[in-house]
């Protein structure tokens, strides 16, 4: 959880570093989700069999990892 500061009491260096790390992770997660939304499995209602949702989601994550590794 990102820490807030009060008007009279500022955040310490440790708290600022903690917030910065969380913000960096959040940016990476949001970027990953935006890329997965290209495939419409997250952006729209999933209308196929629920058994295959995990398989297809893992397949899309694998494609994303492949693109990261090969610089697409």
PDB file of N, CA and C in Angstrom:
ATOM      1  N   UNK A   1       0.840  -1.168   0.000  1.00  0.00           N
ATOM      2  CA  UNK A   1       0.000   0.000   0.000  1.00  0.00           C
ATOM      3  C   UNK A   1       0.889   1.237   0.000  1.00  0.00           C
ATOM      4  N   UNK A   2       0.563   2.185  -0.841  1.00  0.00           N
ATOM      5  CA  UNK A   2       1.328   3.429  -0.911  1.00  0.00           C
ATOM      6  C   UNK A   2       0.997   4.267   0.317  1.00  0.00           C
ATOM      7  N   UNK A   3       2.041   4.786   0.942  1.00  0.00           N
ATOM      8  CA  UNK A   3       1.882   5.556   2.164  1.00  0.00           C
ATOM      9  C   UNK A   3       1.631   7.023   1.854  1.00  0.00           C
ATOM     10  N   UNK A   4       0.714   7.635   2.561  1.00  0.00           N
ATOM     11  CA  UNK A   4       0.416   9.057   2.413  1.00  0.00           C
ATOM     12  C   UNK A   4       1.153   9.845   3.488  1.00  0.00           C
ATOM     13  N   UNK A   5       1.287  11.119   3.254  1.00  0.00           N
ATOM     14  CA  UNK A   5       1.910  11.959   4.268  1.00  0.00           C
ATOM     15  C   UNK A   5       0.919  13.010   4.734  1.00  0.00           C
ATOM     16  N   UNK A   6       1.117  13.453   5.960  1.00  0.00           N
ATOM     17  CA  UNK A   6       0.285  14.525   6.503  1.00  0.00           C
ATOM     18  C   UNK A   6       0.909  15.855   6.143  1.00  0.00           C
ATOM     19  N   UNK A   7       0.146  16.927   6.229  1.00  0.00           N
ATOM     20  CA  UNK A   7       0.662  18.239   5.844  1.00  0.00           C
ATOM     21  C   UNK A   7       1.851  18.649   6.696  1.00  0.00           C
ATOM     22  N   UNK A   8       1.809  18.363   7.977  1.00  0.00           N
ATOM     23  CA  UNK A   8       2.893  18.773   8.869  1.00  0.00           C
ATOM     24  C   UNK A   8       3.998  17.731   8.967  1.00  0.00           C
ATOM     25  N   UNK A   9       3.684  16.488   8.653  1.00  0.00           N
ATOM     26  CA  UNK A   9       4.659  15.405   8.800  1.00  0.00           C
ATOM     27  C   UNK A   9       4.966  14.812   7.425  1.00  0.00           C
ATOM     28  N   UNK A  10       6.197  14.950   6.986  1.00  0.00           N
ATOM     29  CA  UNK A  10       6.585  14.446   5.666  1.00  0.00           C
ATOM     30  C   UNK A  10       7.025  12.990   5.772  1.00  0.00           C
ATOM     31  N   UNK A  11       7.102  12.329   4.614  1.00  0.00           N
ATOM     32  CA  UNK A  11       7.540  10.938   4.577  1.00  0.00           C
ATOM     33  C   UNK A  11       9.044  10.848   4.803  1.00  0.00           C
ATOM     34  N   UNK A  12       9.457   9.753   5.420  1.00  0.00           N
ATOM     35  CA  UNK A  12      10.885   9.513   5.603  1.00  0.00           C
ATOM     36  C   UNK A  12      11.462   8.978   4.304  1.00  0.00           C
ATOM     37  N   UNK A  13      12.793   8.887   4.224  1.00  0.00           N
ATOM     38  CA  UNK A  13      13.433   8.351   3.012  1.00  0.00           C
ATOM     39  C   UNK A  13      13.010   6.912   2.770  1.00  0.00           C
ATOM     40  N   UNK A  14      12.908   6.148   3.844  1.00  0.00           N
ATOM     41  CA  UNK A  14      12.517   4.743   3.722  1.00  0.00           C
ATOM     42  C   UNK A  14      11.105   4.632   3.138  1.00  0.00           C
ATOM     43  N   UNK A  15      10.192   5.467   3.616  1.00  0.00           N
ATOM     44  CA  UNK A  15       8.822   5.448   3.113  1.00  0.00           C
ATOM     45  C   UNK A  15       8.755   5.913   1.659  1.00  0.00           C
ATOM     46  N   UNK A  16       9.563   6.910   1.298  1.00  0.00           N
ATOM     47  CA  UNK A  16       9.598   7.376  -0.094  1.00  0.00           C
ATOM     48  C   UNK A  16      10.118   6.285  -1.019  1.00  0.00           C
ATOM     49  N   UNK A  17      11.179   5.577  -0.589  1.00  0.00           N
ATOM     50  CA  UNK A  17      11.717   4.479  -1.399  1.00  0.00           C
ATOM     51  C   UNK A  17      10.684   3.369  -1.555  1.00  0.00           C
ATOM     52  N   UNK A  18       9.966   3.084  -0.475  1.00  0.00           N
ATOM     53  CA  UNK A  18       8.921   2.061  -0.524  1.00  0.00           C
ATOM     54  C   UNK A  18       7.849   2.442  -1.550  1.00  0.00           C
ATOM     55  N   UNK A  19       7.394   3.692  -1.509  1.00  0.00           N
ATOM     56  CA  UNK A  19       6.384   4.168  -2.465  1.00  0.00           C
ATOM     57  C   UNK A  19       6.901   4.109  -3.899  1.00  0.00           C
ATOM     58  N   UNK A  20       8.172   4.442  -4.078  1.00  0.00           N
ATOM     59  CA  UNK A  20       8.763   4.436  -5.419  1.00  0.00           C
ATOM     60  C   UNK A  20       8.806   3.022  -5.989  1.00  0.00           C
ATOM     61  N   UNK A  21       9.191   2.038  -5.160  1.00  0.00           N
ATOM     62  CA  UNK A  21       9.231   0.645  -5.619  1.00  0.00           C
ATOM     63  C   UNK A  21       7.838   0.148  -5.982  1.00  0.00           C
ATOM     64  N   UNK A  22       6.856   0.484  -5.156  1.00  0.00           N
ATOM     65  CA  UNK A  22       5.480   0.073  -5.459  1.00  0.00           C
ATOM     66  C   UNK A  22       4.982   0.699  -6.759  1.00  0.00           C
ATOM     67  N   UNK A  23       5.308   1.960  -6.974  1.00  0.00           N
ATOM     68  CA  UNK A  23       4.879   2.646  -8.196  1.00  0.00           C
ATOM     69  C   UNK A  23       5.516   2.007  -9.428  1.00  0.00           C
ATOM     70  N   UNK A  24       6.792   1.627  -9.327  1.00  0.00           N
ATOM     71  CA  UNK A  24       7.471   0.983 -10.457  1.00  0.00           C
ATOM     72  C   UNK A  24       6.827  -0.356 -10.778  1.00  0.00           C
ATOM     73  N   UNK A  25       6.499  -1.135  -9.751  1.00  0.00           N
ATOM     74  CA  UNK A  25       5.846  -2.423  -9.970  1.00  0.00           C
ATOM     75  C   UNK A  25       4.461  -2.229 -10.586  1.00  0.00           C
ATOM     76  N   UNK A  26       3.741  -1.213 -10.118  1.00  0.00           N
ATOM     77  CA  UNK A  26       2.407  -0.953 -10.638  1.00  0.00           C
ATOM     78  C   UNK A  26       2.446  -0.605 -12.120  1.00  0.00           C
ATOM     79  N   UNK A  27       3.435   0.169 -12.527  1.00  0.00           N
ATOM     80  CA  UNK A  27       3.565   0.547 -13.935  1.00  0.00           C
ATOM     81  C   UNK A  27       3.800  -0.691 -14.789  1.00  0.00           C
ATOM     82  N   UNK A  28       4.669  -1.588 -14.328  1.00  0.00           N
ATOM     83  CA  UNK A  28       4.942  -2.811 -15.089  1.00  0.00           C
ATOM     84  C   UNK A  28       3.692  -3.683 -15.186  1.00  0.00           C
ATOM     85  N   UNK A  29       2.961  -3.809 -14.084  1.00  0.00           N
ATOM     86  CA  UNK A  29       1.738  -4.620 -14.100  1.00  0.00           C
ATOM     87  C   UNK A  29       0.685  -4.035 -15.030  1.00  0.00           C
ATOM     88  N   UNK A  30       0.517  -2.731 -15.001  1.00  0.00           N
ATOM     89  CA  UNK A  30      -0.477  -2.099 -15.873  1.00  0.00           C
ATOM     90  C   UNK A  30      -0.083  -2.217 -17.341  1.00  0.00           C
ATOM     91  N   UNK A  31       1.207  -2.147 -17.623  1.00  0.00           N
ATOM     92  CA  UNK A  31       1.675  -2.317 -19.001  1.00  0.00           C
ATOM     93  C   UNK A  31       1.390  -3.736 -19.483  1.00  0.00           C
ATOM     94  N   UNK A  32       1.652  -4.717 -18.617  1.00  0.00           N
ATOM     95  CA  UNK A  32       1.394  -6.114 -18.956  1.00  0.00           C
ATOM     96  C   UNK A  32      -0.090  -6.333 -19.235  1.00  0.00           C
ATOM     97  N   UNK A  33      -0.960  -5.798 -18.389  1.00  0.00           N
ATOM     98  CA  UNK A  33      -2.396  -5.968 -18.591  1.00  0.00           C
ATOM     99  C   UNK A  33      -2.874  -5.273 -19.860  1.00  0.00           C
ATOM    100  N   UNK A  34      -2.299  -4.122 -20.173  1.00  0.00           N
ATOM    101  CA  UNK A  34      -2.705  -3.433 -21.405  1.00  0.00           C
ATOM    102  C   UNK A  34      -2.306  -4.236 -22.633  1.00  0.00           C
ATOM    103  N   UNK A  35      -1.174  -4.920 -22.562  1.00  0.00           N
ATOM    104  CA  UNK A  35      -0.753  -5.762 -23.686  1.00  0.00           C
ATOM    105  C   UNK A  35      -1.673  -6.970 -23.811  1.00  0.00           C
ATOM    106  N   UNK A  36      -2.058  -7.560 -22.673  1.00  0.00           N
ATOM    107  CA  UNK A  36      -2.972  -8.698 -22.732  1.00  0.00           C
ATOM    108  C   UNK A  36      -4.354  -8.288 -23.239  1.00  0.00           C
ATOM    109  N   UNK A  37      -4.744  -7.051 -23.024  1.00  0.00           N
ATOM    110  CA  UNK A  37      -6.047  -6.588 -23.498  1.00  0.00           C
ATOM    111  C   UNK A  37      -6.103  -6.522 -25.018  1.00  0.00           C
ATOM    112  N   UNK A  38      -4.943  -6.530 -25.662  1.00  0.00           N
ATOM    113  CA  UNK A  38      -4.918  -6.596 -27.131  1.00  0.00           C
ATOM    114  C   UNK A  38      -5.600  -7.853 -27.628  1.00  0.00           C
ATOM    115  N   UNK A  39      -5.473  -8.929 -26.862  1.00  0.00           N
ATOM    116  CA  UNK A  39      -6.016 -10.218 -27.274  1.00  0.00           C
ATOM    117  C   UNK A  39      -7.489 -10.377 -26.908  1.00  0.00           C
ATOM    118  N   UNK A  40      -8.077  -9.383 -26.261  1.00  0.00           N
ATOM    119  CA  UNK A  40      -9.502  -9.329 -25.922  1.00  0.00           C
ATOM    120  C   UNK A  40      -9.949 -10.384 -24.917  1.00  0.00           C
ATOM    121  N   UNK A  41      -9.044 -11.139 -24.316  1.00  0.00           N
ATOM    122  CA  UNK A  41      -9.456 -12.130 -23.322  1.00  0.00           C
ATOM    123  C   UNK A  41      -9.790 -11.456 -22.001  1.00  0.00           C
ATOM    124  N   UNK A  42      -9.181 -10.306 -21.746  1.00  0.00           N
ATOM    125  CA  UNK A  42      -9.458  -9.566 -20.515  1.00  0.00           C
ATOM    126  C   UNK A  42     -10.390  -8.397 -20.802  1.00  0.00           C
ATOM    127  N   UNK A  43     -10.276  -7.802 -21.965  1.00  0.00           N
ATOM    128  CA  UNK A  43     -11.025  -6.588 -22.278  1.00  0.00           C
ATOM    129  C   UNK A  43     -12.527  -6.844 -22.421  1.00  0.00           C
ATOM    130  N   UNK A  44     -12.912  -8.019 -22.866  1.00  0.00           N
ATOM    131  CA  UNK A  44     -14.325  -8.331 -23.100  1.00  0.00           C
ATOM    132  C   UNK A  44     -14.758  -9.489 -22.207  1.00  0.00           C
ATOM    133  N   UNK A  45     -16.049  -9.784 -22.251  1.00  0.00           N
ATOM    134  CA  UNK A  45     -16.551 -10.950 -21.532  1.00  0.00           C
ATOM    135  C   UNK A  45     -16.017 -12.202 -22.211  1.00  0.00           C
ATOM    136  N   UNK A  46     -15.564 -13.166 -21.412  1.00  0.00           N
ATOM    137  CA  UNK A  46     -15.067 -14.424 -21.958  1.00  0.00           C
ATOM    138  C   UNK A  46     -16.259 -15.341 -22.178  1.00  0.00           C
ATOM    139  N   UNK A  47     -16.546 -15.686 -23.418  1.00  0.00           N
ATOM    140  CA  UNK A  47     -17.766 -16.410 -23.751  1.00  0.00           C
ATOM    141  C   UNK A  47     -17.537 -17.889 -24.050  1.00  0.00           C
ATOM    142  N   UNK A  48     -16.319 -18.357 -23.927  1.00  0.00           N
ATOM    143  CA  UNK A  48     -16.037 -19.762 -24.210  1.00  0.00           C
ATOM    144  C   UNK A  48     -16.074 -20.578 -22.924  1.00  0.00           C
ATOM    145  N   UNK A  49     -15.684 -21.836 -23.024  1.00  0.00           N
ATOM    146  CA  UNK A  49     -15.695 -22.712 -21.856  1.00  0.00           C
ATOM    147  C   UNK A  49     -14.711 -22.231 -20.800  1.00  0.00           C
ATOM    148  N   UNK A  50     -15.156 -22.273 -19.558  1.00  0.00           N
ATOM    149  CA  UNK A  50     -14.308 -21.802 -18.470  1.00  0.00           C
ATOM    150  C   UNK A  50     -13.090 -22.681 -18.263  1.00  0.00           C
ATOM    151  N   UNK A  51     -13.189 -23.948 -18.619  1.00  0.00           N
ATOM    152  CA  UNK A  51     -12.049 -24.852 -18.449  1.00  0.00           C
ATOM    153  C   UNK A  51     -10.844 -24.375 -19.253  1.00  0.00           C
ATOM    154  N   UNK A  52     -11.096 -23.795 -20.385  1.00  0.00           N
ATOM    155  CA  UNK A  52     -10.010 -23.398 -21.281  1.00  0.00           C
ATOM    156  C   UNK A  52      -9.487 -21.993 -21.012  1.00  0.00           C
ATOM    157  N   UNK A  53     -10.132 -21.254 -20.115  1.00  0.00           N
ATOM    158  CA  UNK A  53      -9.700 -19.886 -19.839  1.00  0.00           C
ATOM    159  C   UNK A  53      -8.267 -19.866 -19.328  1.00  0.00           C
ATOM    160  N   UNK A  54      -7.952 -20.721 -18.353  1.00  0.00           N
ATOM    161  CA  UNK A  54      -6.600 -20.767 -17.799  1.00  0.00           C
ATOM    162  C   UNK A  54      -5.575 -21.141 -18.848  1.00  0.00           C
ATOM    163  N   UNK A  55      -5.906 -22.109 -19.678  1.00  0.00           N
ATOM    164  CA  UNK A  55      -5.003 -22.537 -20.738  1.00  0.00           C
ATOM    165  C   UNK A  55      -4.729 -21.396 -21.713  1.00  0.00           C
ATOM    166  N   UNK A  56      -5.769 -20.715 -22.129  1.00  0.00           N
ATOM    167  CA  UNK A  56      -5.596 -19.608 -23.080  1.00  0.00           C
ATOM    168  C   UNK A  56      -4.871 -18.432 -22.450  1.00  0.00           C
ATOM    169  N   UNK A  57      -5.155 -18.156 -21.190  1.00  0.00           N
ATOM    170  CA  UNK A  57      -4.479 -17.057 -20.512  1.00  0.00           C
ATOM    171  C   UNK A  57      -2.991 -17.362 -20.389  1.00  0.00           C
ATOM    172  N   UNK A  58      -2.646 -18.601 -20.031  1.00  0.00           N
ATOM    173  CA  UNK A  58      -1.236 -18.996 -19.952  1.00  0.00           C
ATOM    174  C   UNK A  58      -0.565 -18.932 -21.316  1.00  0.00           C
ATOM    175  N   UNK A  59      -1.274 -19.279 -22.363  1.00  0.00           N
ATOM    176  CA  UNK A  59      -0.731 -19.199 -23.711  1.00  0.00           C
ATOM    177  C   UNK A  59      -0.411 -17.755 -24.081  1.00  0.00           C
ATOM    178  N   UNK A  60      -1.317 -16.842 -23.756  1.00  0.00           N
ATOM    179  CA  UNK A  60      -1.070 -15.428 -24.043  1.00  0.00           C
ATOM    180  C   UNK A  60       0.092 -14.887 -23.218  1.00  0.00           C
ATOM    181  N   UNK A  61       0.203 -15.321 -21.969  1.00  0.00           N
ATOM    182  CA  UNK A  61       1.336 -14.898 -21.139  1.00  0.00           C
ATOM    183  C   UNK A  61       2.638 -15.433 -21.726  1.00  0.00           C
ATOM    184  N   UNK A  62       2.613 -16.648 -22.268  1.00  0.00           N
ATOM    185  CA  UNK A  62       3.795 -17.204 -22.916  1.00  0.00           C
ATOM    186  C   UNK A  62       4.187 -16.423 -24.159  1.00  0.00           C
ATOM    187  N   UNK A  63       3.204 -16.010 -24.941  1.00  0.00           N
ATOM    188  CA  UNK A  63       3.484 -15.185 -26.125  1.00  0.00           C
ATOM    189  C   UNK A  63       4.113 -13.869 -25.701  1.00  0.00           C
ATOM    190  N   UNK A  64       3.582 -13.269 -24.641  1.00  0.00           N
ATOM    191  CA  UNK A  64       4.137 -12.010 -24.131  1.00  0.00           C
ATOM    192  C   UNK A  64       5.585 -12.203 -23.686  1.00  0.00           C
ATOM    193  N   UNK A  65       5.858 -13.284 -22.951  1.00  0.00           N
ATOM    194  CA  UNK A  65       7.227 -13.555 -22.502  1.00  0.00           C
ATOM    195  C   UNK A  65       8.160 -13.791 -23.683  1.00  0.00           C
ATOM    196  N   UNK A  66       7.665 -14.470 -24.716  1.00  0.00           N
ATOM    197  CA  UNK A  66       8.464 -14.703 -25.914  1.00  0.00           C
ATOM    198  C   UNK A  66       8.818 -13.380 -26.588  1.00  0.00           C
ATOM    199  N   UNK A  67       7.830 -12.480 -26.675  1.00  0.00           N
ATOM    200  CA  UNK A  67       8.084 -11.169 -27.274  1.00  0.00           C
ATOM    201  C   UNK A  67       9.095 -10.374 -26.463  1.00  0.00           C
ATOM    202  N   UNK A  68       9.009 -10.466 -25.133  1.00  0.00           N
ATOM    203  CA  UNK A  68       9.971  -9.759 -24.284  1.00  0.00           C
ATOM    204  C   UNK A  68      11.384 -10.274 -24.503  1.00  0.00           C
ATOM    205  N   UNK A  69      11.505 -11.589 -24.567  1.00  0.00           N
ATOM    206  CA  UNK A  69      12.822 -12.207 -24.695  1.00  0.00           C
ATOM    207  C   UNK A  69      13.457 -11.900 -26.048  1.00  0.00           C
ATOM    208  N   UNK A  70      12.652 -11.866 -27.097  1.00  0.00           N
ATOM    209  CA  UNK A  70      13.180 -11.689 -28.447  1.00  0.00           C
ATOM    210  C   UNK A  70      13.109 -10.253 -28.944  1.00  0.00           C
ATOM    211  N   UNK A  71      12.626  -9.346 -28.138  1.00  0.00           N
ATOM    212  CA  UNK A  71      12.646  -7.929 -28.477  1.00  0.00           C
ATOM    213  C   UNK A  71      11.678  -7.496 -29.559  1.00  0.00           C
ATOM    214  N   UNK A  72      10.482  -8.051 -29.578  1.00  0.00           N
ATOM    215  CA  UNK A  72       9.480  -7.642 -30.573  1.00  0.00           C
ATOM    216  C   UNK A  72       8.864  -6.347 -30.193  1.00  0.00           C
TER     217      UNK A  72
END
